[in-house]
Every structure is written in C-alpha cells, then in structure tokens.
Amino acid sequence: MADAYIGLMSGTSLDGVDGVLARFDEAGGLMVLAHATAALPASLRGELLELNSPDGRNELHRAALAANALARAYAEVVAQLLATGPTERAAIRAVGAHGQTVRHRPLEFDGVGYTVQLNNPALLAELTGLDVVAEFRVRDLAAGGQGAPLVPAFHRAMFSRSDEAVAVLNLGGIANFSLLPAAADQGTPVIGFDCGPANALMDHWCSQHLGQPFDAGGRWAASGTVHDALLASLLSDPYFSKAPPKSTGRDLFNPAWLAGHLAGCSAAPADVQATLAEFTVRAAAQALERFGPASRRLIVCGGGALNDHLMARLRALLPRLRVESSAAVGLAPLQVEAAAFAWLAQATITRQPGNLPSVTGARGPRLLGAIFPA
C-alpha cells in the first residue's frame, strides 16, 4: 500500500489551519483520507497580522535580507575551501551551516521556547551545489531542551580522555563549558552550559572607546585595574546562580545590560575593560569549581583562547588545572566550532542523535537539523 502524507496550510486570510491526510497511488492519483481544520486563536491571529505589516523598523524585511547576505558569505567560504582544500566537490556529502543567532529564548512559554538563527540554507544549497544541513537547535527545544549548547557532544568525541576529567571552555561571544568525565567513568554524564559572556561585552566596550573590533591579546584590559564594586554587580545577575541546563546570549548580556550596571560608576574605560575581562574568567572559574570539581585539565577554544590576558587570569584562578589552548591538542581555537557543525551535519546525514540530554535538558536524544538538498 502506498505511503500516506499529511499537508498543512494556513493562508493569508489567517482564519485557521487546514490539514489533509492523503495517499497517492503509483499513477499520481490522490485519495483524501481525512480533513481537519482549527481556527487560530485571536491573539495569535493579531500577532501574525502585526508581523505581516512592516512597521517603521521593517524588522522582518531586514532580517530576510540579512539572512540572504549571510548565505552568500557562507557560500564564499565554501568556495575558498573548495579552491584550497585537497577534497573534490563530489566527495563532500553536506555542509553544516549554523546561521546567526538573533534571538534565543529557551523555555519561554509553557516549557517550549524559541531560538532564531538567521540563515537561508536553500539559497546556500543553490549557490554551492551541495546539500546543506541547518536548523540544528529547534528539535532539541521542541523536546523540552535549551537547544544549546550543542558542541559538548563534539567535544566529547574530540577531547575526552580515558584517564582524567576534562573541561572544555569555549570563549566566543558567550562562554560555554563542556564538562567531560574520564572516558572510563561511564556513570557520570557530560554536563554543558553557557556560563556567561566572553568576548561580546569586551568587544563592544573596545569598539566604543578605542574604535577597534577587539582588544588584541587583552593588552588594553591588562593595562587597567579591576573595579571591585562593578565586578560584584556584574556577578550578581541571577543567571549565575542557576544550575544547568541553562543557556543564554545577547538577549541577556548586551550593551543595555552593561549600561545598567555602569550607572553611577566612575571607572575609567580601561578599568571597565579590565573588569569585563575579570568578569568573564571569574564567572567561568566559579562555574567550573561548582559543577566540574573533578576536572584536571581545561582546554580553551574560541577567540578568547588567543587573549593572553584571559588565559593568564584563568591559570591564576585555577592553579590546580592544566590550562591550555585547544591548539595543544590538535585543533586550532578558531576552528573548533566550525568543525563541530561539520560533525553535527554528519550526524544528521547518518541519522545519529546530535544532542546530549544531560546538557540541554531535552527529553531524550534527538536527530537534529534539516536537510536542504543541492
């Protein structure tokens, strides 16, 4: 018997959702097996009408154009890889494209939140002629998880050791941990979570006061003095008292959040930068001592691993650990996250779960990602 399919449609009238259960025979004939309809709640209909009516900011239009531009930027990188790498196009099974997170609100309503990554994977597939895997986070959220971080599964595959517990700290815009038990310790789950901001606030402050995109090597931060009262204020945010699973982003740790803590503070700009750097490493060190006390090695990746000041402060705050860049274990700091999404794309193509429920809080392992064929 032929397979059955369900079709769903909500039209521009926004009066409801129609559904059809149908079967198609070998000649292409259609048999409708069932039909159902449901009205849209008035509140949802109103919200959709508002979103469909561009206001002065034209947010949806700008987001769509940005997604297209990002896909073209992705395609340029793919072209560079094909031009310089030793692998033929025909040998590439798929591209894993995460997209740019612009909203991350896990568990926002009734236990199911949302996350938005700007991307146009269909355009990327069209431009590259390769299968594209995208939308990695949404299935984990649908299963009750945070949808982030997703890299701990990759970290476990790459950095786990049989003889000792290892912590992996990614210092990107946001800082996140993967706490990997010794491979021989089968009874201890992997833990992963966002532990606070990393480069996002420091880069913002550097751009605002120096006109530079980042504090190279952390030299500006190293020239300042930590402002203790400001540091205590930053660390007092309720996020830091929450236990994993937890994830965050610029929705919380953004310039407006920082401005609120700076109100009435007379610290010099270099001292604020020093305090933001200390804030990053203190939040990470405190989280590691609380949730990963068995760790004996700390592998640091992301742009923050290239910040000598941050690395020195991590070593000072965590003297019992061997603190080293991921380059020391064979993977350059700026390559780790991209490699993780190549790995996650492989998991999707081979129909393997990509999430770790012990990290995200999802109800179980889930196949992540959607495939956009070439």
Protein backbone atom coordinates (compact mmCIF):
# COMPACT_ATOMS: atom_id res chain seq x y z
CA MET A 1 0.00 0.00 0.00
CA ALA A 2 1.27 3.50 -0.85
CA ASP A 3 2.55 5.76 1.90
CA ALA A 4 0.27 8.42 3.34
CA TYR A 5 1.18 12.06 3.75
CA ILE A 6 -0.19 14.99 5.71
CA GLY A 7 -0.40 18.50 4.26
CA LEU A 8 -0.85 21.60 6.42
CA MET A 9 -1.74 25.11 5.31
CA SER A 10 -2.55 28.42 6.95
CA GLY A 11 -3.34 31.01 4.29
CA THR A 12 -3.17 34.77 4.09
CA SER A 13 -6.69 35.09 5.42
CA LEU A 14 -5.36 33.83 8.79
CA ASP A 15 -8.72 32.27 9.56
CA GLY A 16 -7.31 28.90 10.57
CA VAL A 17 -5.17 25.87 9.78
CA ASP A 18 -6.36 23.22 7.31
CA GLY A 19 -4.99 19.70 7.31
CA VAL A 20 -5.39 16.81 4.89
CA LEU A 21 -4.36 13.18 5.27
CA ALA A 22 -3.87 11.79 1.77
CA ARG A 23 -2.47 8.87 -0.16
CA PHE A 24 -1.06 8.98 -3.68
CA ASP A 25 -1.18 5.96 -5.99
CA GLU A 26 1.54 4.99 -8.45
CA ALA A 27 -0.22 6.86 -11.27
CA GLY A 28 -0.20 10.08 -9.22
CA GLY A 29 -3.84 9.85 -8.21
CA LEU A 30 -4.91 11.38 -4.90
CA MET A 31 -7.19 9.93 -2.24
CA VAL A 32 -8.12 12.18 0.67
CA LEU A 33 -8.39 10.02 3.78
CA ALA A 34 -9.23 12.74 6.28
CA HIS A 35 -9.52 16.50 6.63
CA ALA A 36 -9.33 18.70 9.73
CA THR A 37 -9.37 22.40 10.47
CA ALA A 38 -8.66 24.55 13.51
CA ALA A 39 -9.28 28.25 14.00
CA LEU A 40 -6.36 30.43 15.01
CA PRO A 41 -6.66 31.98 18.47
CA ALA A 42 -7.47 35.68 18.21
CA SER A 43 -4.25 36.65 19.99
CA LEU A 44 -2.11 34.63 17.55
CA ARG A 45 -4.02 35.97 14.55
CA GLY A 46 -3.41 39.52 15.74
CA GLU A 47 0.29 38.90 16.26
CA LEU A 48 0.66 37.37 12.79
CA LEU A 49 -1.15 40.30 11.24
CA GLU A 50 1.23 42.69 13.01
CA LEU A 51 4.28 40.75 11.83
CA ASN A 52 2.89 40.75 8.31
CA SER A 53 2.56 44.54 8.36
CA PRO A 54 6.00 46.19 8.21
CA ASP A 55 6.42 48.99 10.72
CA GLY A 56 8.98 51.76 10.58
CA ARG A 57 11.77 49.40 11.54
CA ASN A 58 10.78 46.84 8.91
CA GLU A 59 12.31 44.11 11.05
CA LEU A 60 11.17 41.08 9.05
CA HIS A 61 12.31 42.54 5.73
CA ARG A 62 15.74 43.44 7.13
CA ALA A 63 16.08 40.01 8.74
CA ALA A 64 15.30 38.27 5.44
CA LEU A 65 17.83 40.36 3.54
CA ALA A 66 20.45 39.75 6.24
CA ALA A 67 19.81 36.01 6.01
CA ASN A 68 20.36 36.13 2.24
CA ALA A 69 23.57 38.12 2.68
CA LEU A 70 24.80 35.67 5.32
CA ALA A 71 24.12 32.73 2.99
CA ARG A 72 26.20 34.44 0.30
CA ALA A 73 29.02 34.98 2.79
CA TYR A 74 28.84 31.29 3.71
CA ALA A 75 28.99 30.39 0.02
CA GLU A 76 32.16 32.45 -0.41
CA VAL A 77 33.84 30.48 2.38
CA VAL A 78 32.71 27.19 0.81
CA ALA A 79 34.23 28.35 -2.49
CA GLN A 80 37.51 29.13 -0.73
CA LEU A 81 37.57 25.70 0.89
CA LEU A 82 36.91 24.01 -2.44
CA ALA A 83 39.64 26.06 -4.12
CA THR A 84 42.32 25.45 -1.49
CA GLY A 85 41.44 22.07 0.03
CA PRO A 86 42.51 18.68 -1.26
CA THR A 87 38.96 17.27 -1.42
CA GLU A 88 36.92 17.17 -4.61
CA ARG A 89 33.39 18.59 -4.57
CA ALA A 90 31.94 15.15 -5.35
CA ALA A 91 33.37 13.80 -2.09
CA ILE A 92 31.56 16.38 0.08
CA ARG A 93 28.34 14.93 1.42
CA ALA A 94 26.88 18.03 3.09
CA VAL A 95 27.58 21.46 4.55
CA GLY A 96 26.57 22.14 8.15
CA ALA A 97 25.52 25.79 8.44
CA HIS A 98 24.50 27.02 11.87
CA GLY A 99 23.32 30.50 10.92
CA GLN A 100 23.48 33.66 13.06
CA THR A 101 21.56 33.58 16.32
CA VAL A 102 19.50 36.75 16.76
CA ARG A 103 17.10 35.53 19.45
CA HIS A 104 17.47 32.75 21.98
CA ARG A 105 14.64 32.34 24.47
CA PRO A 106 14.55 28.72 25.66
CA LEU A 107 11.56 27.54 27.69
CA GLU A 108 9.89 30.91 27.23
CA PHE A 109 6.28 29.74 27.30
CA ASP A 110 4.66 26.50 28.51
CA GLY A 111 8.06 24.82 28.65
CA VAL A 112 8.79 25.38 24.95
CA GLY A 113 10.71 28.48 23.92
CA TYR A 114 12.24 29.52 20.66
CA THR A 115 15.54 30.23 19.03
CA VAL A 116 16.09 32.15 15.80
CA GLN A 117 19.14 31.70 13.60
CA LEU A 118 19.20 33.92 10.52
CA ASN A 119 20.13 31.80 7.54
CA ASN A 120 18.91 30.83 4.08
CA PRO A 121 20.06 27.24 3.70
CA ALA A 122 18.08 26.80 0.49
CA LEU A 123 19.99 29.68 -1.08
CA LEU A 124 23.25 28.27 0.25
CA ALA A 125 22.47 24.90 -1.36
CA GLU A 126 21.67 26.70 -4.60
CA LEU A 127 24.88 28.73 -4.54
CA THR A 128 27.21 25.87 -3.60
CA GLY A 129 25.60 22.92 -5.35
CA LEU A 130 25.95 20.95 -2.08
CA ASP A 131 23.48 19.51 0.38
CA VAL A 132 23.10 21.82 3.37
CA VAL A 133 22.15 20.84 6.92
CA ALA A 134 20.76 23.67 9.04
CA GLU A 135 18.24 24.40 11.83
CA PHE A 136 20.17 22.35 14.35
CA ARG A 137 18.71 23.78 17.55
CA VAL A 138 14.97 23.71 17.08
CA ARG A 139 14.34 19.99 17.56
CA ASP A 140 16.08 19.97 20.92
CA LEU A 141 13.90 22.90 22.03
CA ALA A 142 10.80 21.08 20.81
CA ALA A 143 11.83 18.16 23.03
CA GLY A 144 11.94 20.42 26.08
CA GLY A 145 15.64 21.26 25.89
CA GLN A 146 17.56 24.50 25.84
CA GLY A 147 18.70 23.99 22.25
CA ALA A 148 22.17 24.97 23.43
CA PRO A 149 24.97 24.39 23.81
CA LEU A 150 25.23 21.72 21.12
CA VAL A 151 29.01 21.46 20.91
CA PRO A 152 29.52 19.26 24.03
CA ALA A 153 28.74 16.12 22.02
CA PHE A 154 31.50 17.09 19.61
CA HIS A 155 33.83 17.99 22.46
CA ARG A 156 33.23 14.56 23.97
CA ALA A 157 34.11 12.91 20.67
CA MET A 158 37.27 15.01 20.21
CA PHE A 159 38.66 15.78 23.66
CA SER A 160 37.53 13.05 26.06
CA ARG A 161 40.35 11.19 27.79
CA SER A 162 40.18 7.82 29.48
CA ASP A 163 42.39 8.78 32.40
CA GLU A 164 41.07 12.16 33.58
CA ALA A 165 38.10 14.51 33.60
CA VAL A 166 38.46 17.34 31.09
CA ALA A 167 36.70 20.70 30.90
CA VAL A 168 36.40 22.49 27.56
CA LEU A 169 35.75 26.24 27.70
CA ASN A 170 34.67 27.99 24.52
CA LEU A 171 35.28 31.74 24.76
CA GLY A 172 33.26 33.11 21.87
CA GLY A 173 30.76 35.95 22.25
CA ILE A 174 29.30 33.88 25.08
CA ALA A 175 31.34 31.48 27.21
CA ASN A 176 30.23 27.87 27.44
CA PHE A 177 31.53 24.79 29.18
CA SER A 178 31.64 21.10 28.31
CA LEU A 179 32.50 19.04 31.39
CA LEU A 180 33.72 15.65 30.22
CA PRO A 181 34.16 12.86 32.76
CA ALA A 182 37.01 10.42 32.32
CA ALA A 183 36.03 8.09 29.50
CA ALA A 184 36.37 5.16 31.88
CA ASP A 185 33.76 6.71 34.19
CA GLN A 186 30.63 5.54 32.40
CA GLY A 187 28.29 6.52 35.24
CA THR A 188 28.92 10.28 35.06
CA PRO A 189 27.07 12.23 32.36
CA VAL A 190 28.54 15.03 30.28
CA ILE A 191 27.45 18.45 31.52
CA GLY A 192 27.44 21.53 29.33
CA PHE A 193 26.08 25.05 29.74
CA ASP A 194 26.63 28.71 28.96
CA CYS A 195 28.50 30.18 31.92
CA GLY A 196 28.26 33.87 30.98
CA PRO A 197 29.54 36.42 28.47
CA ALA A 198 33.02 36.29 26.97
CA ASN A 199 34.00 38.49 24.05
CA ALA A 200 30.59 40.07 23.39
CA LEU A 201 30.80 42.74 26.08
CA MET A 202 34.56 43.24 25.87
CA ASP A 203 34.40 43.73 22.09
CA HIS A 204 31.52 46.19 22.48
CA TRP A 205 33.44 48.26 25.03
CA CYS A 206 36.64 48.17 22.97
CA SER A 207 34.79 49.27 19.83
CA GLN A 208 33.05 52.08 21.69
CA HIS A 209 36.19 53.52 23.31
CA LEU A 210 39.07 52.55 21.03
CA GLY A 211 37.34 52.17 17.68
CA GLN A 212 38.80 48.68 17.41
CA PRO A 213 36.78 45.46 16.94
CA PHE A 214 38.51 43.65 19.82
CA ASP A 215 41.20 44.01 22.46
CA ALA A 216 44.11 42.25 20.74
CA GLY A 217 45.83 39.93 23.18
CA GLY A 218 43.90 41.54 26.03
CA ARG A 219 46.53 44.26 26.26
CA TRP A 220 44.05 47.07 26.99
CA ALA A 221 42.38 45.03 29.74
CA ALA A 222 45.79 44.21 31.21
CA SER A 223 46.58 47.94 31.41
CA GLY A 224 43.58 48.67 33.63
CA THR A 225 42.62 47.93 37.22
CA VAL A 226 39.64 45.77 38.17
CA HIS A 227 36.82 47.79 39.74
CA ASP A 228 35.68 45.56 42.60
CA ALA A 229 32.22 47.09 43.08
CA LEU A 230 31.43 46.85 39.37
CA LEU A 231 32.68 43.27 39.26
CA ALA A 232 30.45 42.31 42.19
CA SER A 233 27.49 43.97 40.49
CA LEU A 234 28.07 42.08 37.24
CA LEU A 235 28.41 38.75 39.04
CA SER A 236 25.20 39.36 41.00
CA ASP A 237 22.99 38.65 37.99
CA PRO A 238 20.55 35.81 38.83
CA TYR A 239 21.74 33.84 35.79
CA PHE A 240 24.91 32.82 37.62
CA SER A 241 23.03 31.17 40.48
CA LYS A 242 21.04 28.92 38.15
CA ALA A 243 22.06 25.29 37.80
CA PRO A 244 22.44 23.65 34.37
CA PRO A 245 20.89 23.01 31.97
CA LYS A 246 20.97 26.68 31.04
CA SER A 247 21.85 28.79 28.03
CA THR A 248 21.96 32.48 27.28
CA GLY A 249 23.12 35.03 24.73
CA ARG A 250 22.87 38.67 23.74
CA ASP A 251 19.22 38.61 24.77
CA LEU A 252 20.57 39.00 28.31
CA PHE A 253 24.22 40.03 28.16
CA ASN A 254 24.07 43.06 25.88
CA PRO A 255 25.14 46.74 25.95
CA ALA A 256 21.91 47.81 27.66
CA TRP A 257 22.52 45.24 30.43
CA LEU A 258 26.06 46.55 30.85
CA ALA A 259 24.89 50.18 30.88
CA GLY A 260 22.55 49.36 33.74
CA HIS A 261 25.45 48.09 35.82
CA LEU A 262 27.62 51.05 34.86
CA ALA A 263 25.06 53.62 36.03
CA GLY A 264 26.78 55.76 38.66
CA CYS A 265 30.15 54.05 38.10
CA SER A 266 33.05 56.43 37.54
CA ALA A 267 35.64 53.85 36.45
CA ALA A 268 37.96 54.79 33.60
CA PRO A 269 37.35 52.96 30.29
CA ALA A 270 40.50 50.81 30.67
CA ASP A 271 39.37 49.82 34.16
CA VAL A 272 35.96 48.82 32.84
CA GLN A 273 37.68 46.66 30.22
CA ALA A 274 39.83 45.07 32.90
CA THR A 275 36.70 44.40 34.94
CA LEU A 276 34.85 42.86 31.98
CA ALA A 277 37.80 40.53 31.38
CA GLU A 278 37.86 39.57 35.04
CA PHE A 279 34.09 39.10 34.95
CA THR A 280 34.48 36.58 32.13
CA VAL A 281 37.13 34.48 33.87
CA ARG A 282 35.60 34.73 37.36
CA ALA A 283 32.20 33.54 36.11
CA ALA A 284 33.89 30.64 34.30
CA ALA A 285 36.13 29.70 37.24
CA GLN A 286 33.28 29.79 39.73
CA ALA A 287 31.08 27.66 37.46
CA LEU A 288 33.88 25.13 36.99
CA GLU A 289 34.55 24.84 40.71
CA ARG A 290 30.83 24.39 41.35
CA PHE A 291 29.88 21.98 38.57
CA GLY A 292 33.16 20.39 37.44
CA PRO A 293 35.34 19.97 40.53
CA ALA A 294 36.74 16.68 39.21
CA SER A 295 38.24 18.36 36.13
CA ARG A 296 42.02 18.16 35.88
CA ARG A 297 42.54 19.79 32.50
CA LEU A 298 40.98 22.88 30.93
CA ILE A 299 41.04 23.15 27.14
CA VAL A 300 40.18 26.65 25.91
CA CYS A 301 38.92 27.41 22.39
CA GLY A 302 37.26 30.28 20.57
CA GLY A 303 38.68 33.76 20.09
CA GLY A 304 39.26 34.14 23.82
CA ALA A 305 41.95 31.46 23.67
CA LEU A 306 44.04 34.00 21.71
CA ASN A 307 43.65 36.58 24.50
CA ASP A 308 46.84 36.25 26.57
CA HIS A 309 45.34 38.23 29.46
CA LEU A 310 42.30 35.95 29.74
CA MET A 311 44.47 32.84 29.58
CA ALA A 312 46.82 34.17 32.26
CA ARG A 313 43.90 35.01 34.56
CA LEU A 314 42.36 31.55 34.05
CA ARG A 315 45.67 29.94 35.05
CA ALA A 316 45.89 32.18 38.12
CA LEU A 317 42.32 31.43 39.23
CA LEU A 318 42.54 27.68 38.51
CA PRO A 319 46.04 26.66 39.62
CA ARG A 320 45.07 23.01 40.11
CA LEU A 321 44.24 22.59 36.41
CA ARG A 322 46.40 22.40 33.30
CA VAL A 323 45.02 25.29 31.26
CA GLU A 324 45.86 25.15 27.56
CA SER A 325 44.63 26.19 24.15
CA SER A 326 42.84 23.61 22.00
CA ALA A 327 45.79 24.03 19.62
CA ALA A 328 47.80 21.96 22.11
CA VAL A 329 45.50 19.01 21.43
CA GLY A 330 45.45 19.38 17.66
CA LEU A 331 42.59 21.75 16.82
CA ALA A 332 43.13 25.50 16.40
CA PRO A 333 40.86 27.60 18.66
CA LEU A 334 39.12 29.35 15.77
CA GLN A 335 38.36 26.04 14.03
CA VAL A 336 36.58 24.23 16.85
CA GLU A 337 33.02 25.49 16.44
CA ALA A 338 33.03 25.20 12.64
CA ALA A 339 34.34 21.65 12.99
CA ALA A 340 31.57 20.94 15.49
CA PHE A 341 28.88 21.82 12.96
CA ALA A 342 30.54 19.73 10.29
CA TRP A 343 30.37 16.88 12.81
CA LEU A 344 26.73 17.64 13.61
CA ALA A 345 25.92 17.68 9.89
CA GLN A 346 27.46 14.23 9.58
CA ALA A 347 25.31 13.07 12.50
CA THR A 348 22.19 14.36 10.74
CA ILE A 349 23.06 12.72 7.40
CA THR A 350 23.80 9.38 9.09
CA ARG A 351 20.69 9.73 11.29
CA GLN A 352 22.55 9.84 14.59
CA PRO A 353 21.40 11.97 17.55
CA GLY A 354 23.30 15.23 17.85
CA ASN A 355 22.20 16.46 21.27
CA LEU A 356 23.11 15.34 24.78
CA PRO A 357 20.02 15.39 27.02
CA SER A 358 22.26 15.69 30.08
CA VAL A 359 23.45 19.01 28.63
CA THR A 360 20.31 20.58 27.17
CA GLY A 361 17.62 19.01 29.35
CA ALA A 362 15.75 17.54 26.37
CA ARG A 363 13.54 14.52 26.98
CA GLY A 364 15.95 12.30 25.08
CA PRO A 365 18.43 12.03 22.22
CA ARG A 366 17.13 13.65 19.04
CA LEU A 367 18.17 13.75 15.40
CA LEU A 368 18.97 17.41 14.80
CA GLY A 369 18.92 19.52 11.68
CA ALA A 370 17.01 19.84 8.43
CA ILE A 371 18.50 18.85 5.09
CA PHE A 372 18.32 21.17 2.06
CA PRO A 373 19.38 19.12 -0.97
CA ALA A 374 21.73 20.53 -3.60
